[in-house]
Amino acid sequence: MLKTMILAGLVLAGSNFGCSVAQGQVRLSEEDVVRIGLDRADFANWIDAGRAQAESRVAQSGLWHNPEIEYSLEDVDLAAGSSSEQSFWLRQRFNLAGVPGLERRSASFELAARNVELELDRSEQAALIRRHFYQALGASRRAEALSVWHERFEQLVREVDDRARAGDASRFDALRLRHELTALGGERLEARAEATAARHALFGLIDHEPAHLVGALLPSASDASGGQGGAPSHARLRALDAQIQAAELSARAARRQRWPELTLGLGRRELDEPGLSANGHLVMVGLEIPIFDRALGRRNEEQARVRRLQAERELLLSSLNSEIASLEEQLDASRRSALALAEIAGEASLAEMAEGAYAAGEIGVLELIDAHRTELNAHRDQIRRALAARYAKIELRLLKGE
């Protein structure tokens, strides 16, 4: 008989369904898979394009007004001849309140916020890859457990069949066990299909050829004790901090927009008429009078944006702290329950005890089947709880900004 310790080890060891480990075969760990997935060309181009867009917006902000060049020509026919006058002007508007400088600083904080958001996109992609990795690993472990158990139950059915032919066991018992073996075979086929689908999803996500996955489903004790640090380093919080600074600078710029702008102009004028030819330089100064547009709307809008972003940050911080506390509790509970199931599975095999009792005539076939089912379900539940703990750890890493 196969020992239950083999099945208990399926959760913690690195076996993988559907991929025989030949010498020299590629073996991928969690970090290998994440690195490959983040380095794929299309995802890297997507991140780079987002960063280039943000940098382009910064380059467009806080610029001076374009200079204006004006040329005019006036010809007039007079009784004594014709008169010609032409003028050249170069004009430039200046903002004396420092609004362009504030706008450039605000745009730099917007760029910082965008870079943090791109960092968050990268972290979320990494978390997605991790979830797919452990989903494939868990599905492989479930399929492997069912395959091992199917082989074990198949051996039991052969033994009971032999005994039934020899008259030492009931034909009903043999037939009932065959029905159970058929049901178990169907579950094994479904588990294999799920494992294959999970592997296809993972390797399609990272754009890599299928390989052997290695790793432990259950987080280690050090992974599970991540500390109670809260969420000040979460990328979304850092992005909001940068957006708040950008909005405050934009509000300052809007308040200064009520200051008038100055226009300076330099020119030349040439006059040619009968009996007179003259030319000279021109200078002009223009001052905007802020009567109708005093930027009140923009000023109020930016001030409201600052308040909204500050409130959003407080709400997000509260939500993150609550989620982190919940996930830490879930991680601890799932890990403890998985370890408890592994511990009881390592003590004694309920199925082996039932087989011995059945052979001695102490229990019937239904009790025998129930013992096998109970132990198999315990192994599957162990895998499920280990996966729940791992998923909780992945979410904690994302929320804490690790």
Protein backbone atom coordinates (compact mmCIF):
# COMPACT_ATOMS: atom_id res chain seq x y z
CA MET A 1 0.00 0.00 0.00
CA LEU A 2 1.07 3.58 -0.69
CA LYS A 3 1.55 5.57 2.45
CA THR A 4 -0.54 8.62 3.17
CA MET A 5 2.64 10.61 3.70
CA ILE A 6 3.07 10.62 -0.09
CA LEU A 7 -0.20 12.47 -0.51
CA ALA A 8 0.45 14.81 2.40
CA GLY A 9 3.70 15.84 0.75
CA LEU A 10 1.91 16.85 -2.44
CA VAL A 11 0.93 20.18 -0.92
CA LEU A 12 4.39 21.09 0.30
CA ALA A 13 6.66 19.44 -2.27
CA GLY A 14 7.26 20.39 -5.87
CA SER A 15 5.54 17.64 -7.88
CA ASN A 16 3.70 18.74 -11.01
CA PHE A 17 1.02 16.90 -12.96
CA GLY A 18 1.46 16.30 -16.67
CA CYS A 19 5.14 17.25 -16.82
CA SER A 20 7.70 14.56 -16.21
CA VAL A 21 10.90 16.01 -14.87
CA ALA A 22 13.54 14.85 -17.31
CA GLN A 23 17.14 15.77 -16.73
CA GLY A 24 17.89 19.19 -18.16
CA GLN A 25 14.20 20.19 -18.39
CA VAL A 26 13.42 23.85 -17.69
CA ARG A 27 12.16 24.39 -14.15
CA LEU A 28 10.42 27.67 -13.32
CA SER A 29 9.82 29.06 -9.86
CA GLU A 30 7.34 31.78 -8.92
CA GLU A 31 9.92 34.54 -9.30
CA ASP A 32 11.10 33.13 -12.64
CA VAL A 33 7.57 33.20 -14.00
CA VAL A 34 6.97 36.76 -12.75
CA ARG A 35 10.23 37.98 -14.28
CA ILE A 36 9.43 36.38 -17.65
CA GLY A 37 5.90 37.77 -17.64
CA LEU A 38 6.98 41.33 -16.82
CA ASP A 39 9.80 41.25 -19.37
CA ARG A 40 7.64 40.24 -22.33
CA ALA A 41 7.96 42.82 -25.08
CA ASP A 42 4.33 43.89 -25.46
CA PHE A 43 3.84 44.51 -21.72
CA ALA A 44 7.13 46.42 -21.48
CA ASN A 45 6.12 48.53 -24.51
CA TRP A 46 2.76 49.26 -22.88
CA ILE A 47 4.50 50.55 -19.73
CA ASP A 48 7.03 52.57 -21.73
CA ALA A 49 4.30 54.12 -23.88
CA GLY A 50 2.39 55.22 -20.78
CA ARG A 51 5.54 56.82 -19.37
CA ALA A 52 6.25 58.57 -22.70
CA GLN A 53 2.70 59.98 -22.75
CA ALA A 54 3.13 61.41 -19.25
CA GLU A 55 6.51 62.95 -20.13
CA SER A 56 5.01 64.52 -23.25
CA ARG A 57 2.32 66.22 -21.17
CA VAL A 58 5.01 67.68 -18.90
CA ALA A 59 6.86 69.04 -21.94
CA GLN A 60 3.70 70.89 -23.02
CA SER A 61 3.04 72.61 -19.70
CA GLY A 62 4.27 75.97 -18.44
CA LEU A 63 5.43 77.21 -21.83
CA TRP A 64 5.77 80.88 -22.74
CA HIS A 65 3.32 82.44 -25.16
CA ASN A 66 4.45 82.25 -28.76
CA PRO A 67 5.88 85.54 -30.07
CA GLU A 68 3.86 87.41 -32.66
CA ILE A 69 5.30 88.89 -35.85
CA GLU A 70 3.23 91.45 -37.73
CA TYR A 71 3.82 93.15 -41.05
CA SER A 72 1.54 95.78 -42.56
CA LEU A 73 1.70 97.72 -45.83
CA GLU A 74 -0.45 100.72 -46.74
CA ASP A 75 -0.47 102.31 -50.20
CA VAL A 76 -2.46 105.51 -50.83
CA ASP A 77 -2.80 107.35 -54.14
CA LEU A 78 -2.52 111.10 -53.66
CA ALA A 79 -2.89 113.98 -56.13
CA ALA A 80 0.81 114.61 -55.99
CA GLY A 81 1.74 110.92 -56.26
CA SER A 82 1.47 107.83 -54.09
CA SER A 83 2.17 107.35 -50.40
CA SER A 84 3.56 104.06 -49.03
CA GLU A 85 3.82 103.11 -45.36
CA GLN A 86 5.00 99.73 -44.01
CA SER A 87 5.43 98.51 -40.43
CA PHE A 88 7.16 95.56 -38.81
CA TRP A 89 6.28 94.36 -35.29
CA LEU A 90 7.63 91.70 -32.92
CA ARG A 91 5.43 91.23 -29.84
CA GLN A 92 5.84 88.97 -26.81
CA ARG A 93 3.47 88.42 -23.86
CA PHE A 94 4.98 87.93 -20.41
CA ASN A 95 3.39 86.51 -17.29
CA LEU A 96 4.82 88.41 -14.35
CA ALA A 97 3.06 86.28 -11.71
CA GLY A 98 5.14 83.16 -12.28
CA VAL A 99 2.18 81.06 -13.47
CA PRO A 100 4.19 79.06 -16.07
CA GLY A 101 6.74 78.07 -13.43
CA LEU A 102 4.00 76.84 -11.09
CA GLU A 103 2.38 74.96 -13.95
CA ARG A 104 5.68 73.24 -14.78
CA ARG A 105 6.14 72.19 -11.15
CA SER A 106 2.56 70.95 -11.02
CA ALA A 107 3.14 68.93 -14.20
CA SER A 108 6.28 67.37 -12.70
CA PHE A 109 4.21 66.09 -9.77
CA GLU A 110 1.60 64.79 -12.20
CA LEU A 111 4.40 62.93 -13.95
CA ALA A 112 5.54 61.48 -10.62
CA ALA A 113 1.96 60.36 -9.93
CA ARG A 114 1.71 58.77 -13.35
CA ASN A 115 5.00 56.93 -12.86
CA VAL A 116 3.72 55.56 -9.56
CA GLU A 117 0.50 54.45 -11.26
CA LEU A 118 2.56 52.65 -13.89
CA GLU A 119 4.50 51.02 -11.07
CA LEU A 120 1.16 49.91 -9.63
CA ASP A 121 0.14 48.52 -13.03
CA ARG A 122 3.35 46.51 -13.03
CA SER A 123 2.73 45.27 -9.49
CA GLU A 124 -0.84 44.26 -10.34
CA GLN A 125 0.42 42.37 -13.39
CA ALA A 126 2.96 40.59 -11.18
CA ALA A 127 0.18 39.68 -8.73
CA LEU A 128 -1.94 38.36 -11.61
CA ILE A 129 0.96 36.19 -12.79
CA ARG A 130 1.51 34.89 -9.24
CA ARG A 131 -2.16 33.95 -8.94
CA HIS A 132 -2.01 32.07 -12.24
CA PHE A 133 1.22 30.36 -11.18
CA TYR A 134 -0.27 29.02 -7.96
CA GLN A 135 -3.58 28.21 -9.63
CA ALA A 136 -1.67 26.02 -12.11
CA LEU A 137 0.47 24.55 -9.33
CA GLY A 138 -2.57 23.82 -7.15
CA ALA A 139 -4.48 22.26 -10.04
CA SER A 140 -1.47 20.06 -10.78
CA ARG A 141 -1.28 18.99 -7.14
CA ARG A 142 -5.00 18.12 -7.11
CA ALA A 143 -4.64 16.09 -10.30
CA GLU A 144 -1.57 14.33 -8.90
CA ALA A 145 -3.38 13.51 -5.64
CA LEU A 146 -6.33 12.03 -7.53
CA SER A 147 -4.01 10.02 -9.78
CA VAL A 148 -2.17 8.57 -6.80
CA TRP A 149 -5.43 7.84 -5.03
CA HIS A 150 -6.94 6.30 -8.15
CA GLU A 151 -3.98 3.91 -8.43
CA ARG A 152 -4.35 3.02 -4.79
CA PHE A 153 -8.10 2.41 -5.09
CA GLU A 154 -7.56 0.44 -8.30
CA GLN A 155 -5.25 -1.92 -6.39
CA LEU A 156 -7.91 -2.32 -3.69
CA VAL A 157 -10.56 -3.16 -6.31
CA ARG A 158 -8.29 -5.85 -7.84
CA GLU A 159 -7.73 -7.37 -4.42
CA VAL A 160 -11.47 -7.48 -3.62
CA ASP A 161 -12.21 -8.88 -7.09
CA ASP A 162 -9.74 -11.70 -6.46
CA ARG A 163 -11.29 -12.39 -3.08
CA ALA A 164 -14.80 -12.35 -4.55
CA ARG A 165 -13.81 -14.90 -7.20
CA ALA A 166 -12.30 -17.04 -4.44
CA GLY A 167 -15.49 -16.72 -2.39
CA ASP A 168 -13.89 -14.68 0.40
CA ALA A 169 -15.75 -11.44 -0.42
CA SER A 170 -19.18 -10.42 -1.61
CA ARG A 171 -19.78 -9.74 -5.31
CA PHE A 172 -21.81 -6.75 -4.17
CA ASP A 173 -18.73 -5.37 -2.45
CA ALA A 174 -16.65 -5.85 -5.59
CA LEU A 175 -19.28 -4.19 -7.80
CA ARG A 176 -19.78 -1.31 -5.35
CA LEU A 177 -16.03 -0.65 -5.28
CA ARG A 178 -15.92 -0.69 -9.09
CA HIS A 179 -18.65 1.97 -9.18
CA GLU A 180 -16.60 4.06 -6.80
CA LEU A 181 -13.48 3.53 -8.91
CA THR A 182 -15.37 4.70 -12.02
CA ALA A 183 -16.52 7.86 -10.22
CA LEU A 184 -12.98 8.48 -9.01
CA GLY A 185 -11.70 8.02 -12.56
CA GLY A 186 -14.10 10.71 -13.77
CA GLU A 187 -12.87 13.09 -11.09
CA ARG A 188 -9.30 12.34 -12.12
CA LEU A 189 -10.05 13.22 -15.76
CA GLU A 190 -11.69 16.49 -14.70
CA ALA A 191 -8.73 17.36 -12.48
CA ARG A 192 -6.33 16.69 -15.37
CA ALA A 193 -8.36 18.94 -17.67
CA GLU A 194 -8.36 21.71 -15.05
CA ALA A 195 -4.62 21.36 -14.57
CA THR A 196 -4.01 21.54 -18.33
CA ALA A 197 -6.25 24.60 -18.68
CA ALA A 198 -4.52 26.35 -15.77
CA ARG A 199 -1.10 25.69 -17.29
CA HIS A 200 -2.23 26.99 -20.69
CA ALA A 201 -3.58 30.15 -19.03
CA LEU A 202 -0.30 30.73 -17.16
CA PHE A 203 2.06 30.19 -20.07
CA GLY A 204 -0.20 32.15 -22.40
CA LEU A 205 -0.11 35.06 -19.94
CA ILE A 206 3.69 35.13 -19.78
CA ASP A 207 4.19 34.13 -23.45
CA HIS A 208 6.49 31.21 -22.66
CA GLU A 209 6.78 27.58 -23.61
CA PRO A 210 5.30 25.16 -21.02
CA ALA A 211 7.83 24.15 -18.37
CA HIS A 212 7.98 22.36 -15.03
CA LEU A 213 6.70 24.49 -12.15
CA VAL A 214 8.39 24.25 -8.78
CA GLY A 215 7.38 25.80 -5.49
CA ALA A 216 5.37 25.37 -2.30
CA LEU A 217 1.68 26.17 -2.22
CA LEU A 218 1.66 26.98 1.48
CA PRO A 219 3.44 30.22 2.50
CA SER A 220 6.27 29.71 4.96
CA ALA A 221 6.09 30.99 8.52
CA SER A 222 8.27 33.98 7.60
CA ASP A 223 5.99 34.81 4.66
CA ALA A 224 2.94 34.62 6.89
CA SER A 225 4.38 36.97 9.54
CA GLY A 226 4.64 40.06 7.39
CA GLY A 227 4.18 42.54 10.25
CA GLN A 228 1.36 44.90 11.05
CA GLY A 229 2.75 47.87 9.21
CA GLY A 230 -0.37 49.29 7.56
CA ALA A 231 -0.25 50.66 4.03
CA PRO A 232 1.73 53.92 3.79
CA SER A 233 3.88 52.51 0.99
CA HIS A 234 1.01 51.46 -1.28
CA ALA A 235 1.51 52.85 -4.77
CA ARG A 236 -1.96 54.38 -4.99
CA LEU A 237 -1.32 56.38 -1.80
CA ARG A 238 1.96 57.69 -3.17
CA ALA A 239 0.25 58.61 -6.43
CA LEU A 240 -2.43 60.54 -4.51
CA ASP A 241 0.26 62.38 -2.52
CA ALA A 242 1.84 63.53 -5.78
CA GLN A 243 -1.55 64.48 -7.24
CA ILE A 244 -2.37 66.52 -4.14
CA GLN A 245 0.88 68.47 -4.50
CA ALA A 246 0.18 68.99 -8.19
CA ALA A 247 -3.35 70.26 -7.45
CA GLU A 248 -2.06 72.63 -4.76
CA LEU A 249 0.42 74.13 -7.22
CA SER A 250 -2.29 74.41 -9.87
CA ALA A 251 -4.50 76.22 -7.35
CA ARG A 252 -1.67 78.67 -6.63
CA ALA A 253 -1.21 79.22 -10.36
CA ALA A 254 -4.95 79.84 -10.76
CA ARG A 255 -4.90 82.43 -7.97
CA ARG A 256 -2.09 84.28 -9.73
CA GLN A 257 -3.86 84.29 -13.08
CA ARG A 258 -5.83 87.34 -11.97
CA TRP A 259 -2.60 89.31 -12.18
CA PRO A 260 -2.36 91.16 -15.53
CA GLU A 261 -0.04 89.97 -18.27
CA LEU A 262 2.39 92.35 -19.95
CA THR A 263 2.96 92.58 -23.70
CA LEU A 264 6.13 94.16 -25.07
CA GLY A 265 6.61 94.99 -28.72
CA LEU A 266 9.46 96.22 -30.89
CA GLY A 267 8.95 97.46 -34.45
CA ARG A 268 10.04 99.57 -37.36
CA ARG A 269 8.07 101.95 -39.51
CA GLU A 270 8.99 103.23 -42.96
CA LEU A 271 7.18 106.07 -44.74
CA ASP A 272 7.63 107.09 -48.38
CA GLU A 273 5.51 109.85 -49.95
CA PRO A 274 6.09 112.72 -52.35
CA GLY A 275 8.64 115.04 -50.86
CA LEU A 276 9.15 112.94 -47.74
CA SER A 277 10.93 109.74 -46.87
CA ALA A 278 11.31 108.69 -43.21
CA ASN A 279 11.79 105.66 -41.02
CA GLY A 280 12.17 104.91 -37.33
CA HIS A 281 11.88 102.38 -34.52
CA LEU A 282 8.71 101.66 -32.53
CA VAL A 283 8.21 100.43 -28.98
CA MET A 284 4.91 99.40 -27.43
CA VAL A 285 3.79 98.23 -23.98
CA GLY A 286 0.42 96.57 -23.39
CA LEU A 287 -1.14 95.59 -20.08
CA GLU A 288 -4.05 93.20 -19.76
CA ILE A 289 -6.91 94.43 -17.58
CA PRO A 290 -8.47 91.42 -15.74
CA ILE A 291 -12.09 92.57 -15.65
CA PHE A 292 -14.13 89.78 -17.24
CA ASP A 293 -11.84 86.76 -16.81
CA ARG A 294 -10.22 86.64 -13.39
CA ALA A 295 -9.73 82.83 -13.33
CA LEU A 296 -12.26 82.45 -10.52
CA GLY A 297 -13.69 79.28 -12.03
CA ARG A 298 -10.34 77.55 -12.37
CA ARG A 299 -9.24 78.69 -8.90
CA ASN A 300 -12.35 77.21 -7.28
CA GLU A 301 -12.04 74.05 -9.36
CA GLU A 302 -8.42 73.42 -8.30
CA GLN A 303 -9.15 74.13 -4.65
CA ALA A 304 -12.05 71.67 -4.76
CA ARG A 305 -9.76 69.15 -6.46
CA VAL A 306 -7.27 69.43 -3.60
CA ARG A 307 -10.00 68.77 -1.02
CA ARG A 308 -11.36 65.84 -3.03
CA LEU A 309 -7.94 64.21 -3.41
CA GLN A 310 -7.19 64.63 0.29
CA ALA A 311 -10.51 63.02 1.19
CA GLU A 312 -9.88 60.22 -1.32
CA ARG A 313 -6.51 59.53 0.28
CA GLU A 314 -8.00 59.25 3.76
CA LEU A 315 -10.74 56.92 2.51
CA LEU A 316 -8.22 54.77 0.66
CA LEU A 317 -5.91 54.57 3.67
CA SER A 318 -8.77 53.46 5.89
CA SER A 319 -9.90 50.88 3.34
CA LEU A 320 -6.39 49.51 2.85
CA ASN A 321 -5.77 49.14 6.56
CA SER A 322 -9.06 47.29 6.92
CA GLU A 323 -8.30 44.99 3.98
CA ILE A 324 -4.79 44.30 5.24
CA ALA A 325 -6.05 43.35 8.70
CA SER A 326 -8.66 41.06 7.14
CA LEU A 327 -6.15 39.40 4.80
CA GLU A 328 -3.63 38.87 7.60
CA GLU A 329 -6.31 37.12 9.61
CA GLN A 330 -7.35 35.05 6.59
CA LEU A 331 -3.73 34.13 5.85
CA ASP A 332 -3.14 32.97 9.41
CA ALA A 333 -6.38 30.97 9.55
CA SER A 334 -5.87 29.27 6.18
CA ARG A 335 -2.27 28.44 6.95
CA ARG A 336 -3.07 26.99 10.37
CA SER A 337 -5.89 24.85 8.98
CA ALA A 338 -3.69 23.55 6.13
CA LEU A 339 -0.94 22.64 8.59
CA ALA A 340 -3.44 20.92 10.87
CA LEU A 341 -4.69 18.77 7.99
CA ALA A 342 -1.10 17.92 6.98
CA GLU A 343 -0.31 16.97 10.58
CA ILE A 344 -3.30 14.64 10.98
CA ALA A 345 -2.59 13.07 7.58
CA GLY A 346 0.95 12.30 8.71
CA GLU A 347 -0.12 10.57 11.91
CA ALA A 348 -2.02 7.59 10.48
CA SER A 349 -3.87 6.57 7.33
CA LEU A 350 -7.59 6.28 7.87
CA ALA A 351 -7.89 4.41 4.58
CA GLU A 352 -5.23 1.87 5.53
CA MET A 353 -6.91 1.25 8.89
CA ALA A 354 -10.25 0.76 7.10
CA GLU A 355 -8.71 -1.68 4.63
CA GLY A 356 -7.33 -3.75 7.50
CA ALA A 357 -10.67 -3.70 9.30
CA TYR A 358 -12.50 -4.66 6.10
CA ALA A 359 -10.15 -7.57 5.48
CA ALA A 360 -10.82 -8.76 9.05
CA GLY A 361 -14.57 -8.48 8.52
CA GLU A 362 -14.98 -5.72 11.12
CA ILE A 363 -16.55 -3.15 8.74
CA GLY A 364 -18.51 -3.26 5.51
CA VAL A 365 -17.74 -1.90 2.05
CA LEU A 366 -19.59 1.37 2.63
CA GLU A 367 -17.45 2.18 5.66
CA LEU A 368 -14.39 1.31 3.59
CA ILE A 369 -15.41 3.66 0.80
CA ASP A 370 -16.29 6.36 3.31
CA ALA A 371 -12.81 6.11 4.88
CA HIS A 372 -11.15 6.48 1.47
CA ARG A 373 -13.38 9.40 0.54
CA THR A 374 -12.77 11.12 3.88
CA GLU A 375 -9.02 10.92 3.51
CA LEU A 376 -9.05 12.00 -0.13
CA ASN A 377 -11.30 14.97 0.65
CA ALA A 378 -8.97 15.93 3.47
CA HIS A 379 -6.04 16.06 1.03
CA ARG A 380 -8.02 18.12 -1.46
CA ASP A 381 -9.13 20.44 1.34
CA GLN A 382 -5.53 20.77 2.42
CA ILE A 383 -4.57 21.94 -1.07
CA ARG A 384 -7.53 24.33 -1.17
CA ARG A 385 -6.62 25.94 2.16
CA ALA A 386 -2.96 26.19 1.21
CA LEU A 387 -4.01 27.98 -1.98
CA ALA A 388 -6.27 30.32 0.02
CA ALA A 389 -3.33 31.20 2.24
CA ARG A 390 -1.12 31.81 -0.80
CA TYR A 391 -3.71 34.02 -2.50
CA ALA A 392 -4.07 36.03 0.71
CA LYS A 393 -0.29 36.48 0.81
CA ILE A 394 -0.25 37.69 -2.80
CA GLU A 395 -2.94 40.28 -2.06
CA LEU A 396 -1.09 41.40 1.08
CA ARG A 397 2.09 41.97 -0.90
CA LEU A 398 0.14 44.08 -3.38
CA LEU A 399 -1.69 46.14 -0.76
CA LYS A 400 1.42 46.75 1.33
CA GLY A 401 3.42 47.78 -1.71
CA GLU A 402 6.05 45.09 -1.20
